[in-house]
Protein backbone atom coordinates (compact mmCIF):
# COMPACT_ATOMS: atom_id res chain seq x y z
CA UNK A 1 -31.11 7.54 -9.99
CA UNK A 2 -31.58 6.28 -13.53
CA UNK A 3 -32.39 9.74 -14.84
CA UNK A 4 -28.88 10.94 -14.14
CA UNK A 5 -27.13 7.83 -15.47
CA UNK A 6 -25.35 8.66 -18.75
CA UNK A 7 -24.79 5.99 -21.36
CA UNK A 8 -21.08 6.82 -21.71
CA UNK A 9 -18.89 9.90 -21.80
CA UNK A 10 -18.92 11.54 -25.23
CA UNK A 11 -15.25 11.17 -26.11
CA UNK A 12 -15.29 7.39 -25.50
CA UNK A 13 -18.54 6.93 -27.41
CA UNK A 14 -17.05 8.68 -30.45
CA UNK A 15 -13.92 6.57 -30.18
CA UNK A 16 -11.86 9.74 -30.50
CA UNK A 17 -10.10 9.38 -27.17
CA UNK A 18 -9.09 6.62 -24.86
CA UNK A 19 -11.25 6.03 -21.77
CA UNK A 20 -10.09 8.26 -18.91
CA UNK A 21 -9.74 6.72 -15.43
CA UNK A 22 -9.87 9.23 -12.54
CA UNK A 23 -8.15 7.76 -9.46
CA UNK A 24 -9.45 9.52 -6.32
CA UNK A 25 -7.45 9.38 -3.08
CA UNK A 26 -7.59 11.34 0.15
CA UNK A 27 -3.94 12.43 -0.10
CA UNK A 28 -1.41 11.51 -2.76
CA UNK A 29 1.77 10.93 -0.80
CA UNK A 30 4.32 8.23 -0.03
CA UNK A 31 2.54 4.97 0.80
CA UNK A 32 1.61 1.53 -0.43
CA UNK A 33 -1.82 2.52 -1.76
CA UNK A 34 -0.35 5.43 -3.71
CA UNK A 35 2.50 3.26 -4.98
CA UNK A 36 -0.09 0.82 -6.31
CA UNK A 37 -1.79 3.61 -8.23
CA UNK A 38 1.53 4.69 -9.73
CA UNK A 39 2.16 1.10 -10.83
CA UNK A 40 -1.24 0.99 -12.54
CA UNK A 41 -0.81 4.35 -14.27
CA UNK A 42 2.71 3.54 -15.45
CA UNK A 43 1.99 -0.07 -16.32
CA UNK A 44 -1.34 -0.16 -18.17
CA UNK A 45 -1.03 0.19 -21.97
CA UNK A 46 -0.92 3.89 -22.82
CA UNK A 47 -2.80 3.25 -26.05
CA UNK A 48 -5.79 1.84 -24.12
CA UNK A 49 -6.34 4.11 -21.08
CA UNK A 50 -5.74 7.70 -19.99
CA UNK A 51 -5.43 8.58 -16.30
CA UNK A 52 -5.92 11.48 -13.90
CA UNK A 53 -5.18 11.47 -10.18
CA UNK A 54 -7.36 13.53 -7.84
CA UNK A 55 -6.25 14.13 -4.25
CA UNK A 56 -8.99 15.49 -2.00
CA UNK A 57 -6.38 17.24 0.15
CA UNK A 58 -2.80 17.49 -1.11
CA UNK A 59 -0.42 15.83 -3.57
CA UNK A 60 3.27 15.65 -2.67
CA UNK A 61 6.43 15.24 -4.74
CA UNK A 62 5.52 11.55 -4.83
CA UNK A 63 3.73 12.54 -8.05
CA UNK A 64 7.12 12.62 -9.77
CA UNK A 65 7.07 8.81 -9.86
CA UNK A 66 4.47 8.94 -12.63
CA UNK A 67 6.33 8.38 -15.89
CA UNK A 68 3.53 9.36 -18.30
CA UNK A 69 3.73 13.10 -19.08
CA UNK A 70 0.05 13.25 -20.07
CA UNK A 71 -1.23 12.31 -16.58
CA UNK A 72 -2.57 15.27 -14.60
CA UNK A 73 -2.54 15.34 -10.79
CA UNK A 74 -5.17 17.54 -9.12
CA UNK A 75 -5.21 18.64 -5.46
CA UNK A 76 -8.57 19.93 -4.20
CA UNK A 77 -7.21 21.28 -0.89
CA UNK A 78 -10.04 19.89 1.21
CA UNK A 79 -10.00 21.31 4.73
CA UNK A 80 -10.56 19.19 7.87
CA UNK A 81 -14.18 18.47 8.68
CA UNK A 82 -17.16 19.06 6.41
CA UNK A 83 -15.63 21.09 3.61
CA UNK A 84 -18.56 21.05 1.19
CA UNK A 85 -16.68 23.33 -1.18
CA UNK A 86 -14.18 20.53 -1.87
CA UNK A 87 -17.00 18.29 -3.11
CA UNK A 88 -18.27 21.09 -5.32
CA UNK A 89 -14.76 21.47 -6.74
CA UNK A 90 -14.64 17.72 -7.34
CA UNK A 91 -18.00 17.80 -9.15
CA UNK A 92 -16.83 20.67 -11.38
CA UNK A 93 -13.54 18.88 -12.12
CA UNK A 94 -15.30 15.65 -13.07
CA UNK A 95 -17.65 17.58 -15.35
CA UNK A 96 -14.61 19.21 -16.93
CA UNK A 97 -12.40 16.17 -17.53
CA UNK A 98 -15.32 13.74 -18.09
CA UNK A 99 -13.79 10.42 -17.03
CA UNK A 100 -15.24 7.11 -18.13
CA UNK A 101 -14.28 5.54 -14.80
CA UNK A 102 -13.86 6.94 -11.30
CA UNK A 103 -11.89 4.68 -8.96
CA UNK A 104 -11.96 5.78 -5.30
CA UNK A 105 -9.86 4.20 -2.55
CA UNK A 106 -10.72 3.47 1.10
CA UNK A 107 -13.50 4.91 3.23
CA UNK A 108 -12.12 8.46 3.21
CA UNK A 109 -13.11 8.87 -0.46
CA UNK A 110 -16.21 6.67 -0.60
CA UNK A 111 -18.56 9.66 -0.45
CA UNK A 112 -16.99 10.82 -3.72
CA UNK A 113 -18.95 8.02 -5.40
CA UNK A 114 -22.09 10.12 -4.93
CA UNK A 115 -20.33 13.14 -6.42
CA UNK A 116 -19.22 11.02 -9.39
CA UNK A 117 -22.79 9.82 -9.93
CA UNK A 118 -24.09 13.39 -9.80
CA UNK A 119 -21.37 14.42 -12.26
CA UNK A 120 -22.52 11.74 -14.71
CA UNK A 121 -19.51 9.41 -14.52
CA UNK A 122 -20.73 6.16 -16.12
CA UNK A 123 -18.46 3.65 -14.30
CA UNK A 124 -17.71 3.84 -10.58
CA UNK A 125 -15.28 1.52 -8.79
CA UNK A 126 -14.22 1.58 -5.15
CA UNK A 127 -11.11 -0.08 -3.73
CA UNK A 128 -10.52 -1.29 -0.16
CA UNK A 129 -6.79 -1.39 0.54
CA UNK A 130 -6.43 -1.70 4.29
CA UNK A 131 -7.49 -0.55 7.72
CA UNK A 132 -7.70 2.75 9.54
CA UNK A 133 -6.49 3.36 13.10
CA UNK A 134 -10.02 4.54 13.93
CA UNK A 135 -11.40 1.20 12.71
CA UNK A 136 -8.61 -1.39 13.02
CA UNK A 137 -10.89 -4.42 12.93
CA UNK A 138 -13.64 -3.20 10.60
CA UNK A 139 -16.38 -3.02 13.23
CA UNK A 140 -16.85 0.75 13.62
CA UNK A 141 -20.64 1.29 13.23
CA UNK A 142 -20.17 4.68 11.55
CA UNK A 143 -17.87 3.30 8.84
CA UNK A 144 -20.09 0.27 8.30
CA UNK A 145 -23.07 2.59 7.76
CA UNK A 146 -21.06 4.75 5.35
CA UNK A 147 -20.15 1.74 3.22
CA UNK A 148 -23.75 0.51 3.14
CA UNK A 149 -25.05 4.01 2.38
CA UNK A 150 -22.84 4.50 -0.69
CA UNK A 151 -23.02 0.90 -1.92
CA UNK A 152 -25.79 1.73 -4.47
CA UNK A 153 -23.51 4.24 -6.23
CA UNK A 154 -20.66 1.72 -6.69
CA UNK A 155 -20.63 -0.66 -9.65
CA UNK A 156 -17.73 -2.80 -8.43
CA UNK A 157 -15.73 -3.12 -5.20
CA UNK A 158 -12.10 -4.22 -5.41
CA UNK A 159 -10.13 -5.56 -2.44
CA UNK A 160 -6.43 -6.32 -2.24
CA UNK A 161 -6.82 -9.33 0.06
CA UNK A 162 -9.18 -12.25 0.69
CA UNK A 163 -9.54 -11.00 4.25
CA UNK A 164 -11.00 -7.70 3.03
CA UNK A 165 -13.14 -9.43 0.41
CA UNK A 166 -14.75 -11.69 3.00
CA UNK A 167 -15.25 -8.76 5.37
CA UNK A 168 -17.04 -6.67 2.72
CA UNK A 169 -19.42 -9.53 1.96
CA UNK A 170 -19.98 -10.99 5.43
CA UNK A 171 -19.70 -7.94 7.69
CA UNK A 172 -20.66 -4.99 5.52
CA UNK A 173 -23.22 -6.88 3.43
CA UNK A 174 -22.05 -6.14 -0.11
CA UNK A 175 -23.32 -8.64 -2.71
CA UNK A 176 -20.60 -11.23 -3.47
CA UNK A 177 -20.97 -10.74 -7.23
CA UNK A 178 -20.10 -7.07 -6.75
CA UNK A 179 -16.75 -7.72 -5.06
CA UNK A 180 -13.50 -8.76 -6.72
CA UNK A 181 -10.08 -9.36 -5.23
CA UNK A 182 -7.02 -8.10 -7.10
CA UNK A 183 -3.86 -8.65 -5.10
CA UNK A 184 -1.07 -6.12 -5.34
CA UNK A 185 1.88 -7.01 -7.53
CA UNK A 186 5.59 -6.27 -7.37
CA UNK A 187 8.21 -5.56 -10.01
CA UNK A 188 10.37 -8.60 -9.37
CA UNK A 189 13.09 -7.34 -11.73
CA UNK A 190 13.47 -3.97 -10.03
CA UNK A 191 13.64 -5.48 -6.54
CA UNK A 192 15.84 -8.43 -7.37
CA UNK A 193 18.58 -9.01 -4.82
CA UNK A 194 22.11 -8.64 -6.14
CA UNK A 195 25.65 -8.92 -4.86
CA UNK A 196 26.19 -5.24 -5.58
CA UNK A 197 27.59 -2.52 -3.37
CA UNK A 198 24.10 -1.52 -2.21
CA UNK A 199 25.12 -1.38 1.46
CA UNK A 200 27.72 1.24 0.63
CA UNK A 201 24.83 3.61 -0.11
CA UNK A 202 23.79 3.58 3.56
CA UNK A 203 25.34 6.06 6.01
CA UNK A 204 28.50 4.40 7.34
CA UNK A 205 28.16 6.00 10.78
CA UNK A 206 25.09 3.83 11.44
CA UNK A 207 26.16 0.62 9.70
CA UNK A 208 29.75 -0.50 10.29
CA UNK A 209 31.20 -3.48 8.39
CA UNK A 210 29.97 -6.85 9.60
CA UNK A 211 26.75 -5.62 11.21
CA UNK A 212 23.36 -7.27 10.64
CA UNK A 213 20.58 -4.90 9.57
CA UNK A 214 16.86 -5.28 10.23
CA UNK A 215 14.76 -2.75 8.38
CA UNK A 216 11.22 -1.66 7.72
CA UNK A 217 9.54 0.57 5.15
CA UNK A 218 6.32 1.88 6.67
CA UNK A 219 4.34 4.89 7.74
CA UNK A 220 5.10 5.91 11.32
CA UNK A 221 1.47 5.79 12.44
CA UNK A 222 -0.40 3.90 15.14
CA UNK A 223 -1.98 1.35 12.79
CA UNK A 224 1.52 0.42 11.54
CA UNK A 225 2.81 0.15 15.14
CA UNK A 226 6.51 0.86 14.42
CA UNK A 227 7.14 1.19 18.16
CA UNK A 228 6.76 -2.57 18.57
CA UNK A 229 9.60 -3.12 16.11
CA UNK A 230 11.77 -0.51 17.85
CA UNK A 231 11.12 -2.08 21.25
CA UNK A 232 11.83 -5.58 19.94
CA UNK A 233 15.11 -4.38 18.45
CA UNK A 234 16.12 -2.63 21.68
CA UNK A 235 15.24 -5.75 23.69
CA UNK A 236 17.59 -8.03 21.72
CA UNK A 237 20.43 -5.67 20.84
CA UNK A 238 22.45 -6.05 24.03
CA UNK A 239 22.02 -9.85 24.43
CA UNK A 240 23.00 -10.36 20.79
CA UNK A 241 25.98 -8.03 21.15
CA UNK A 242 27.19 -10.20 24.04
CA UNK A 243 27.21 -13.11 21.58
CA UNK A 244 29.16 -11.13 18.98
CA UNK A 245 26.20 -9.98 16.80
CA UNK A 246 25.84 -6.28 16.01
CA UNK A 247 22.18 -5.74 15.07
CA UNK A 248 21.34 -2.35 13.56
CA UNK A 249 17.96 -0.81 12.64
CA UNK A 250 16.94 1.00 9.43
CA UNK A 251 13.48 2.60 9.56
CA UNK A 252 12.28 4.09 6.26
CA UNK A 253 9.18 6.28 6.35
CA UNK A 254 7.73 9.19 8.25
CA UNK A 255 4.69 10.07 10.31
CA UNK A 256 3.37 11.35 13.64
CA UNK A 257 5.12 8.67 15.75
CA UNK A 258 8.61 9.72 14.68
CA UNK A 259 9.12 11.82 17.81
CA UNK A 260 8.08 8.97 20.13
CA UNK A 261 10.41 6.58 18.29
CA UNK A 262 13.33 8.97 18.54
CA UNK A 263 12.65 9.41 22.27
CA UNK A 264 12.72 5.65 22.98
CA UNK A 265 15.92 5.16 20.99
CA UNK A 266 17.55 8.15 22.67
CA UNK A 267 16.54 6.94 26.14
CA UNK A 268 18.20 3.59 25.37
CA UNK A 269 21.38 5.35 24.22
CA UNK A 270 21.13 3.72 20.79
CA UNK A 271 20.94 6.81 18.55
CA UNK A 272 24.02 5.82 16.53
CA UNK A 273 22.66 2.32 15.90
CA UNK A 274 19.30 3.24 14.36
CA UNK A 275 18.82 5.13 11.11
CA UNK A 276 15.49 6.95 10.82
CA UNK A 277 15.70 7.81 7.15
CA UNK A 278 12.31 9.41 6.50
CA UNK A 279 10.55 9.01 3.14
CA UNK A 280 12.91 8.04 0.32
CA UNK A 281 12.86 7.32 -3.41
CA UNK A 282 15.62 4.68 -3.31
CA UNK A 283 13.68 1.97 -1.48
CA UNK A 284 14.93 -0.78 -3.80
CA UNK A 285 18.54 0.04 -2.94
CA UNK A 286 17.77 0.23 0.77
CA UNK A 287 16.07 -3.17 0.72
CA UNK A 288 19.08 -4.70 -1.03
CA UNK A 289 21.16 -3.48 1.91
CA UNK A 290 19.11 -5.29 4.56
CA UNK A 291 19.46 -8.74 6.08
CA UNK A 292 15.95 -8.98 7.59
CA UNK A 293 12.70 -7.17 6.83
CA UNK A 294 10.13 -6.57 9.59
CA UNK A 295 6.63 -5.08 9.60
CA UNK A 296 4.83 -4.78 12.94
CA UNK A 297 1.42 -3.45 11.79
CA UNK A 298 -1.66 -3.97 13.90
CA UNK A 299 -3.67 -4.54 10.70
CA UNK A 300 -2.72 -4.85 7.04
CA UNK A 301 -4.33 -5.23 3.66
CA UNK A 302 -1.74 -6.45 1.18
CA UNK A 303 1.52 -4.72 2.04
CA UNK A 304 3.49 -3.48 -0.96
CA UNK A 305 6.62 -3.25 1.16
CA UNK A 306 6.31 -6.90 2.21
CA UNK A 307 6.00 -7.83 -1.47
CA UNK A 308 9.04 -5.72 -2.32
CA UNK A 309 11.05 -7.31 0.48
CA UNK A 310 10.01 -10.77 -0.73
CA UNK A 311 11.11 -9.91 -4.28
CA UNK A 312 14.43 -8.71 -2.87
CA UNK A 313 14.96 -12.11 -1.29
CA UNK A 314 14.68 -11.11 2.36
CA UNK A 315 13.25 -13.19 5.19
CA UNK A 316 10.11 -11.47 6.52
CA UNK A 317 8.94 -10.94 10.08
CA UNK A 318 5.38 -9.61 10.06
CA UNK A 319 2.23 -9.45 12.17
CA UNK A 320 -0.16 -12.35 11.72
CA UNK A 321 -3.02 -10.23 10.43
CA UNK A 322 -4.95 -9.47 7.25
CA UNK A 323 -3.10 -9.90 3.99
CA UNK A 324 0.15 -10.89 5.72
CA UNK A 325 -1.42 -14.30 6.28
CA UNK A 326 -1.76 -14.67 2.50
CA UNK A 327 1.67 -13.38 1.55
CA UNK A 328 3.89 -15.11 4.09
CA UNK A 329 4.35 -18.84 4.60
CA UNK A 330 5.17 -19.04 8.27
CA UNK A 331 8.39 -20.96 8.79
CA UNK A 332 9.09 -21.07 5.02
CA UNK A 333 9.41 -17.49 3.73
CA UNK A 334 9.30 -15.73 7.06
CA UNK A 335 7.87 -15.63 10.57
CA UNK A 336 4.43 -14.41 11.64
CA UNK A 337 4.05 -12.90 15.12
CA UNK A 338 0.95 -11.76 17.05
CA UNK A 339 0.10 -8.07 16.40
CA UNK A 340 1.36 -5.78 19.14
CA UNK A 341 3.50 -8.52 20.72
CA UNK A 342 7.01 -7.09 20.64
CA UNK A 343 8.38 -9.97 22.74
CA UNK A 344 7.46 -12.48 20.00
CA UNK A 345 8.89 -10.14 17.39
CA UNK A 346 12.11 -9.93 19.43
CA UNK A 347 12.36 -13.72 19.53
CA UNK A 348 11.94 -13.91 15.75
CA UNK A 349 14.65 -11.29 15.31
CA UNK A 350 17.02 -13.19 17.59
CA UNK A 351 16.43 -16.40 15.65
CA UNK A 352 17.29 -14.85 12.28
CA UNK A 353 20.36 -13.00 13.56
CA UNK A 354 21.76 -16.16 15.14
CA UNK A 355 21.07 -18.37 12.11
CA UNK A 356 22.37 -16.96 8.78
CA UNK A 357 21.45 -20.19 6.97
CA UNK A 358 17.82 -19.78 8.03
CA UNK A 359 17.88 -16.16 6.82
CA UNK A 360 19.18 -17.25 3.43
CA UNK A 361 16.71 -20.14 3.06
CA UNK A 362 13.65 -18.07 3.99
CA UNK A 363 14.80 -15.17 1.80
CA UNK A 364 15.26 -17.42 -1.25
CA UNK A 365 11.83 -19.00 -0.68
CA UNK A 366 10.26 -15.53 -0.40
CA UNK A 367 11.79 -14.51 -3.72
CA UNK A 368 10.45 -17.64 -5.45
CA UNK A 369 6.98 -17.03 -4.01
CA UNK A 370 6.97 -13.40 -5.20
CA UNK A 371 7.95 -14.48 -8.73
CA UNK A 372 5.38 -17.26 -8.84
CA UNK A 373 2.34 -15.55 -7.32
CA UNK A 374 2.70 -11.78 -7.10
CA UNK A 375 4.18 -10.47 -10.33
CA UNK A 376 3.39 -6.92 -11.39
CA UNK A 377 2.39 -8.12 -14.85
CA UNK A 378 -0.25 -10.39 -13.33
CA UNK A 379 -1.74 -7.50 -11.34
CA UNK A 380 -1.73 -5.29 -14.46
CA UNK A 381 -3.60 -7.91 -16.47
CA UNK A 382 -6.30 -8.14 -13.80
CA UNK A 383 -6.80 -4.36 -13.59
CA UNK A 384 -6.77 -4.10 -17.37
CA UNK A 385 -9.49 -6.74 -17.51
CA UNK A 386 -11.53 -5.01 -14.78
CA UNK A 387 -11.46 -1.59 -16.43
CA UNK A 388 -12.12 -2.98 -19.92
CA UNK A 389 -15.02 -5.13 -18.70
CA UNK A 390 -16.71 -2.23 -16.90
CA UNK A 391 -16.13 0.06 -19.90
CA UNK A 392 -17.58 -2.50 -22.30
CA UNK A 393 -20.70 -2.92 -20.19
CA UNK A 394 -21.36 0.80 -20.59
CA UNK A 395 -20.76 0.63 -24.33
CA UNK A 396 -23.18 -2.28 -24.65
CA UNK A 397 -25.85 -0.31 -22.82
CA UNK A 398 -25.30 2.81 -24.95
């Protein structure tokens, strides 16, 4: 291995260019992981780091959220299965752009650490951001073997939650000194709640005056379990209506479960009471229009949408799993419910709809917690320190 280890890429050693960080993802599309990368690219000092984003498969219009015109986004068009040509294309690209740091995310890109080593990339970082539907509790033997196999090619692992950090050390067997937690951050100014006309931006046919809106921003996939939220909402809608409460649903996001969700809502005759908005760029405005935020995932890392809802000043209902246990103070900033238990979620919904004072108190506490513990500037400082420290180690060894 040592024979192929370079001291540092030439442009950084000469000091003629800023260190280039290549962020490698499976697909660059709407999602919390991708949003975190955009925050890093946009937020780190432009005079200190350059960035490139490499998607093994495709990159969507989500790329337009990158504000730096010098950042290139590459799509390698990897085909399903063992597409060895995609790894050859990655190797050639890394040799061409010569990054100082490669930062892969989640198990779907971990094998790219070997490609980065072969391409002579001097610093290699891997991030663990959450769970896969094929491995919801981190016990899949295949994925455990993959992480152990590629561990020698990784200089530093980064996790977004304590839960993931402990799992990497205790279950996978990564050395504790090699693992660092950097929690996601949120732009508390952008997501600040205001007494604006935000609700007027929502389609009036779904949200009449005086209604109460529960919403979620999530991928419509099995691991996110949006059907539990839909079923909880359907279970309480009629009883609440009998008490004079009109509870409406706003579901932001897209994915393979959209058809099943539409079918359940249609069967209940509630099509005009639920807005399935798809992927959107105006999430901050949508959140300002809600009364309650809910996330019914089976497993979570650190949810960016929960952080954004907290910064907006919304009470949170979320599954008691993973990073949600760190973000949410049960009974103070929101309510934690057992994963997959839509009856408990329905009870939490009913409680918030019936008690506006509780909604307001939990929402205000969530906002204060986001400002105090999860600022975007704090996250940026930690990533800046991580990248600079790893870069400096290479320079010292040169």
